[in-house]
Amino acid sequence: MTVSMPRLRRGGSWGLTRNLRVVRRMTAADIAQQSVYRGAWIIFMLANICMPIISLLIWRTALASGARLPVDERYITTYFVLLGVVTMATSSWMAGFLAQDIRMGKLSSWMIRPASLLTGFVANNLSEKFLKLFALVPMIGIVWWIFRDSMNIPAGPGRWALFAISILLGAMLVFIIDILIASLAFWMDDVSALVQARVIIASVLSGAVVPLALMPEWSRGFVDHQPFRYTVSFPVEIVAGQLTGRELLAGLGFQLGYVVVFAAIARLVWSAGIRAYSAVGA
């Protein structure tokens, strides 16, 4: 049976402003539920920080051995110390879960709830990030203290404010891309391959594996302007200090532009999927 679900079209991330109170309550409930596993969060964050630290030590050793890189030791150190926080703050893991809910026909049950399914995923994303960052930030603080003399730390609040804005935009962009991919489950039986492909591609093109500043010169035109750069690398670059004022403004413009474009596309795809949505018992 084909069903029309206006609540879902109006709600979710598209109606986040109207659902702030619901999001706050759902986020608080999720935090209370997930805090039971706080020990697991600490272990998970220890694993999350290990790879950037290992990469940092490898690149610092390479520089000490005379390797010629387009960036200096301070940039490399700042980049990898901040990488764990930025990656976690901008991450999203909901594409597979949302796609499964679509395939299993679980959207119908949200029609009688005070918020949409997407609002629930927003709350879950916020609550898990709060708990993960709560465990991760002290670890990053220790690493910062160890390498503080080899880092670029902006003195004024301006760069830090732009850093925070950029992280927010990056998190929105990743979340919206996940919605777009998951929405394809309205027409596809399995989108897990697409989800995994997005993870692999984003790991490389976002700068989560290797700083984009170390990419070959011939690739700069593409690397500097593709959307995944603005999910991880660009926020870190703001603090690392190699961007001029004009490059900062241009980068934030690109970041905001990608958020708007992908949001428009995701909304069109989601709305089309809702119109075609059918579920047993709906």
Protein backbone atom coordinates (compact mmCIF):
# COMPACT_ATOMS: atom_id res chain seq x y z
CA MET A 1 0.00 0.00 0.00
CA THR A 2 1.39 3.36 -0.98
CA VAL A 3 1.27 5.87 1.83
CA SER A 4 1.73 9.59 2.06
CA MET A 5 3.72 10.66 5.08
CA PRO A 6 3.72 14.45 5.35
CA ARG A 7 5.13 14.35 8.88
CA LEU A 8 8.28 12.73 7.58
CA ARG A 9 8.59 15.27 4.82
CA ARG A 10 8.15 18.19 7.16
CA GLY A 11 10.19 16.72 9.98
CA GLY A 12 13.66 15.31 10.21
CA SER A 13 16.71 17.40 9.60
CA TRP A 14 14.65 19.66 7.32
CA GLY A 15 12.39 20.70 10.23
CA LEU A 16 15.08 20.74 12.89
CA THR A 17 14.31 24.31 13.97
CA ARG A 18 10.69 23.40 14.75
CA ASN A 19 11.76 20.25 16.58
CA LEU A 20 14.52 21.65 18.81
CA ARG A 21 12.64 20.83 21.99
CA VAL A 22 12.00 17.27 20.85
CA VAL A 23 15.63 16.87 19.75
CA ARG A 24 16.85 18.12 23.13
CA ARG A 25 14.68 15.64 25.02
CA MET A 26 15.54 12.73 22.73
CA THR A 27 19.24 13.59 22.95
CA ALA A 28 19.10 13.65 26.75
CA ALA A 29 17.32 10.29 26.76
CA ASP A 30 19.91 8.80 24.41
CA ILE A 31 22.77 10.14 26.56
CA ALA A 32 21.24 8.53 29.65
CA GLN A 33 20.85 5.24 27.80
CA GLN A 34 24.29 5.22 26.17
CA SER A 35 26.16 6.36 29.30
CA VAL A 36 25.72 2.85 30.65
CA TYR A 37 28.46 1.86 28.20
CA ARG A 38 30.89 4.65 29.12
CA GLY A 39 33.72 2.16 29.63
CA ALA A 40 33.26 0.93 26.08
CA TRP A 41 33.30 4.54 24.83
CA ILE A 42 36.69 5.12 26.47
CA ILE A 43 38.16 1.99 24.89
CA PHE A 44 36.66 2.93 21.53
CA MET A 45 38.14 6.42 21.70
CA LEU A 46 41.55 5.03 22.64
CA ALA A 47 41.42 2.99 19.45
CA ASN A 48 40.20 6.05 17.53
CA ILE A 49 43.17 8.17 18.62
CA CYS A 50 45.83 5.51 18.00
CA MET A 51 45.88 5.79 14.20
CA PRO A 52 46.42 9.59 14.06
CA ILE A 53 49.16 9.34 16.69
CA ILE A 54 50.90 6.51 14.82
CA SER A 55 50.67 8.54 11.61
CA LEU A 56 52.05 11.58 13.43
CA LEU A 57 55.07 9.66 14.67
CA ILE A 58 55.71 8.21 11.20
CA TRP A 59 55.61 11.61 9.47
CA ARG A 60 57.73 13.26 12.17
CA THR A 61 60.30 10.50 11.77
CA ALA A 62 60.26 11.00 8.00
CA LEU A 63 60.89 14.74 8.44
CA ALA A 64 63.67 14.08 10.93
CA SER A 65 65.26 11.73 8.39
CA GLY A 66 65.39 14.50 5.80
CA ALA A 67 62.18 13.90 3.87
CA ARG A 68 61.13 16.96 1.84
CA LEU A 69 57.45 17.71 2.31
CA PRO A 70 55.33 20.69 1.22
CA VAL A 71 54.50 21.34 4.89
CA ASP A 72 56.62 21.65 8.02
CA GLU A 73 56.71 19.69 11.26
CA ARG A 74 54.41 22.13 13.07
CA TYR A 75 51.70 21.69 10.44
CA ILE A 76 51.97 17.89 10.53
CA THR A 77 51.86 17.83 14.34
CA THR A 78 48.89 20.19 14.58
CA TYR A 79 47.05 18.28 11.87
CA PHE A 80 47.27 14.84 13.45
CA VAL A 81 46.69 16.02 17.02
CA LEU A 82 43.39 17.61 15.97
CA LEU A 83 42.43 14.91 13.48
CA GLY A 84 40.79 12.58 16.01
CA VAL A 85 38.50 15.28 17.42
CA VAL A 86 37.49 16.65 14.03
CA THR A 87 36.86 13.21 12.55
CA MET A 88 34.63 12.24 15.45
CA ALA A 89 32.82 15.59 15.57
CA THR A 90 31.92 15.45 11.87
CA SER A 91 31.20 11.72 11.61
CA SER A 92 27.88 10.04 10.88
CA TRP A 93 27.01 6.36 11.07
CA MET A 94 23.29 6.44 10.35
CA ALA A 95 23.16 5.58 6.62
CA GLY A 96 23.07 1.82 7.15
CA PHE A 97 20.55 2.03 10.00
CA LEU A 98 18.24 4.40 8.12
CA ALA A 99 18.40 2.23 4.99
CA GLN A 100 17.49 -0.81 7.08
CA ASP A 101 14.51 0.97 8.63
CA ILE A 102 13.30 1.89 5.14
CA ARG A 103 13.64 -1.68 3.86
CA MET A 104 11.93 -3.17 6.93
CA GLY A 105 8.98 -0.78 6.68
CA LYS A 106 9.63 0.87 10.04
CA LEU A 107 8.86 4.37 8.80
CA SER A 108 5.14 3.82 9.34
CA SER A 109 5.51 3.54 13.12
CA TRP A 110 6.92 7.07 13.25
CA MET A 111 3.66 8.54 11.95
CA ILE A 112 2.15 8.37 15.44
CA ARG A 113 5.22 9.73 17.21
CA PRO A 114 5.87 13.37 18.14
CA ALA A 115 8.94 13.55 15.90
CA SER A 116 10.07 12.11 12.60
CA LEU A 117 12.54 9.30 12.05
CA LEU A 118 15.22 11.73 10.89
CA THR A 119 14.82 13.76 14.07
CA GLY A 120 15.49 10.58 16.01
CA PHE A 121 18.70 10.03 14.08
CA VAL A 122 19.77 13.64 14.70
CA ALA A 123 19.29 13.12 18.45
CA ASN A 124 21.19 9.82 18.37
CA ASN A 125 24.05 11.43 16.43
CA LEU A 126 24.30 14.30 18.91
CA SER A 127 24.16 12.06 21.99
CA GLU A 128 26.83 9.65 20.76
CA LYS A 129 29.11 12.51 19.74
CA PHE A 130 28.70 14.09 23.16
CA LEU A 131 29.74 10.89 24.91
CA LYS A 132 32.57 10.12 22.49
CA LEU A 133 33.99 13.62 22.63
CA PHE A 134 33.67 13.61 26.42
CA ALA A 135 36.01 10.61 26.42
CA LEU A 136 38.21 11.79 23.54
CA VAL A 137 38.97 15.40 24.49
CA PRO A 138 41.02 14.56 27.63
CA MET A 139 43.10 12.13 25.57
CA ILE A 140 43.70 14.80 22.93
CA GLY A 141 44.63 17.19 25.74
CA ILE A 142 47.38 14.84 26.90
CA VAL A 143 48.72 14.48 23.36
CA TRP A 144 48.60 18.27 22.92
CA TRP A 145 50.60 18.73 26.13
CA ILE A 146 53.27 16.35 24.88
CA PHE A 147 53.63 18.05 21.48
CA ARG A 148 52.62 21.61 22.47
CA ASP A 149 55.98 23.10 21.49
CA SER A 150 55.66 21.69 17.95
CA MET A 151 52.13 22.89 17.19
CA ASN A 152 50.52 25.92 15.59
CA ILE A 153 48.10 27.26 18.18
CA PRO A 154 46.11 30.38 17.15
CA ALA A 155 46.48 33.08 19.79
CA GLY A 156 43.20 34.91 19.17
CA PRO A 157 39.63 33.58 19.27
CA GLY A 158 38.95 34.32 15.60
CA ARG A 159 40.47 31.16 14.14
CA TRP A 160 38.93 29.02 16.86
CA ALA A 161 35.50 30.47 16.10
CA LEU A 162 35.93 29.72 12.39
CA PHE A 163 37.17 26.26 13.37
CA ALA A 164 33.96 25.61 15.34
CA ILE A 165 31.76 26.91 12.51
CA SER A 166 33.61 24.76 10.00
CA ILE A 167 33.18 21.65 12.16
CA LEU A 168 29.44 22.33 12.39
CA LEU A 169 29.14 22.71 8.62
CA GLY A 170 31.28 19.60 8.09
CA ALA A 171 29.07 17.56 10.41
CA MET A 172 25.96 18.77 8.58
CA LEU A 173 27.48 17.86 5.22
CA VAL A 174 28.38 14.31 6.30
CA PHE A 175 24.94 13.76 7.86
CA ILE A 176 23.17 15.00 4.74
CA ILE A 177 25.27 12.76 2.48
CA ASP A 178 24.29 9.82 4.68
CA ILE A 179 20.61 10.71 4.29
CA LEU A 180 21.06 10.90 0.52
CA ILE A 181 22.70 7.47 0.34
CA ALA A 182 20.20 5.87 2.72
CA SER A 183 17.28 7.32 0.75
CA LEU A 184 18.27 5.15 -2.20
CA ALA A 185 16.94 2.20 -0.15
CA PHE A 186 13.47 3.28 -1.27
CA TRP A 187 14.38 1.80 -4.66
CA MET A 188 17.34 -0.52 -3.93
CA ASP A 189 17.30 -3.74 -1.91
CA ASP A 190 20.76 -3.15 -0.45
CA VAL A 191 22.80 0.04 -0.21
CA SER A 192 25.53 -1.37 2.05
CA ALA A 193 28.03 -1.39 -0.84
CA LEU A 194 27.36 2.31 -1.41
CA VAL A 195 27.78 3.02 2.30
CA GLN A 196 31.12 1.21 2.38
CA ALA A 197 32.25 2.94 -0.81
CA ARG A 198 31.43 6.31 0.72
CA VAL A 199 33.45 5.45 3.83
CA ILE A 200 36.50 4.38 1.82
CA ILE A 201 36.39 7.31 -0.60
CA ALA A 202 35.80 9.80 2.21
CA SER A 203 38.70 8.38 4.25
CA VAL A 204 41.09 9.27 1.44
CA LEU A 205 39.57 12.45 0.06
CA SER A 206 38.72 13.98 3.45
CA GLY A 207 42.31 13.84 4.65
CA ALA A 208 41.58 11.34 7.41
CA VAL A 209 44.32 8.99 6.18
CA VAL A 210 46.87 11.36 4.64
CA PRO A 211 46.82 15.18 4.85
CA LEU A 212 45.56 16.59 1.57
CA ALA A 213 48.49 19.03 1.62
CA LEU A 214 50.72 16.03 0.83
CA MET A 215 48.77 15.04 -2.28
CA PRO A 216 50.58 15.38 -5.66
CA GLU A 217 50.61 18.85 -7.17
CA TRP A 218 48.78 17.69 -10.30
CA SER A 219 45.79 16.66 -8.15
CA ARG A 220 45.44 19.96 -6.28
CA GLY A 221 42.67 21.38 -8.45
CA PHE A 222 40.42 18.41 -7.73
CA VAL A 223 41.50 17.70 -4.16
CA ASP A 224 41.07 21.29 -2.98
CA HIS A 225 37.53 21.66 -4.29
CA GLN A 226 35.89 18.23 -3.84
CA PRO A 227 33.28 18.05 -1.03
CA PHE A 228 35.01 15.55 1.25
CA ARG A 229 37.84 17.98 1.94
CA TYR A 230 35.35 20.16 3.80
CA THR A 231 34.34 17.39 6.21
CA VAL A 232 37.74 16.88 7.90
CA SER A 233 40.76 18.52 6.29
CA PHE A 234 39.46 22.07 5.95
CA PRO A 235 38.52 22.53 9.64
CA VAL A 236 41.99 21.31 10.66
CA GLU A 237 43.65 23.55 8.07
CA ILE A 238 42.00 26.56 9.70
CA VAL A 239 43.89 25.93 12.94
CA ALA A 240 47.07 24.64 11.30
CA GLY A 241 47.50 28.16 9.97
CA GLN A 242 48.45 27.76 6.31
CA LEU A 243 45.28 29.40 4.94
CA THR A 244 45.14 33.10 4.14
CA GLY A 245 42.12 35.22 5.01
CA ARG A 246 40.83 34.98 1.44
CA GLU A 247 41.30 31.21 1.40
CA LEU A 248 39.43 30.92 4.70
CA LEU A 249 36.42 32.83 3.38
CA ALA A 250 36.46 30.95 0.09
CA GLY A 251 36.68 27.63 1.93
CA LEU A 252 33.77 28.46 4.22
CA GLY A 253 31.81 29.55 1.15
CA PHE A 254 32.48 26.22 -0.56
CA GLN A 255 31.57 24.37 2.61
CA LEU A 256 28.27 26.19 3.01
CA GLY A 257 27.56 25.79 -0.70
CA TYR A 258 28.06 22.03 -0.52
CA VAL A 259 25.73 21.83 2.49
CA VAL A 260 23.00 23.70 0.60
CA VAL A 261 23.43 21.72 -2.64
CA PHE A 262 23.52 18.28 -1.01
CA ALA A 263 20.63 19.22 1.29
CA ALA A 264 18.52 20.18 -1.73
CA ILE A 265 19.37 16.94 -3.54
CA ALA A 266 18.79 14.81 -0.44
CA ARG A 267 15.45 16.47 0.20
CA LEU A 268 14.31 15.82 -3.37
CA VAL A 269 15.37 12.17 -3.20
CA TRP A 270 13.85 11.68 0.27
CA SER A 271 10.55 13.29 -0.76
CA ALA A 272 10.40 11.18 -3.92
CA GLY A 273 11.06 8.07 -1.84
CA ILE A 274 8.34 8.95 0.66
CA ARG A 275 5.82 9.36 -2.16
CA ALA A 276 6.68 5.91 -3.45
CA TYR A 277 7.02 4.36 -0.02
CA SER A 278 5.01 1.24 0.67
CA ALA A 279 5.04 -1.03 3.69
CA VAL A 280 3.07 -3.98 4.93
CA GLY A 281 0.29 -2.77 7.18
CA ALA A 282 0.89 0.91 6.34
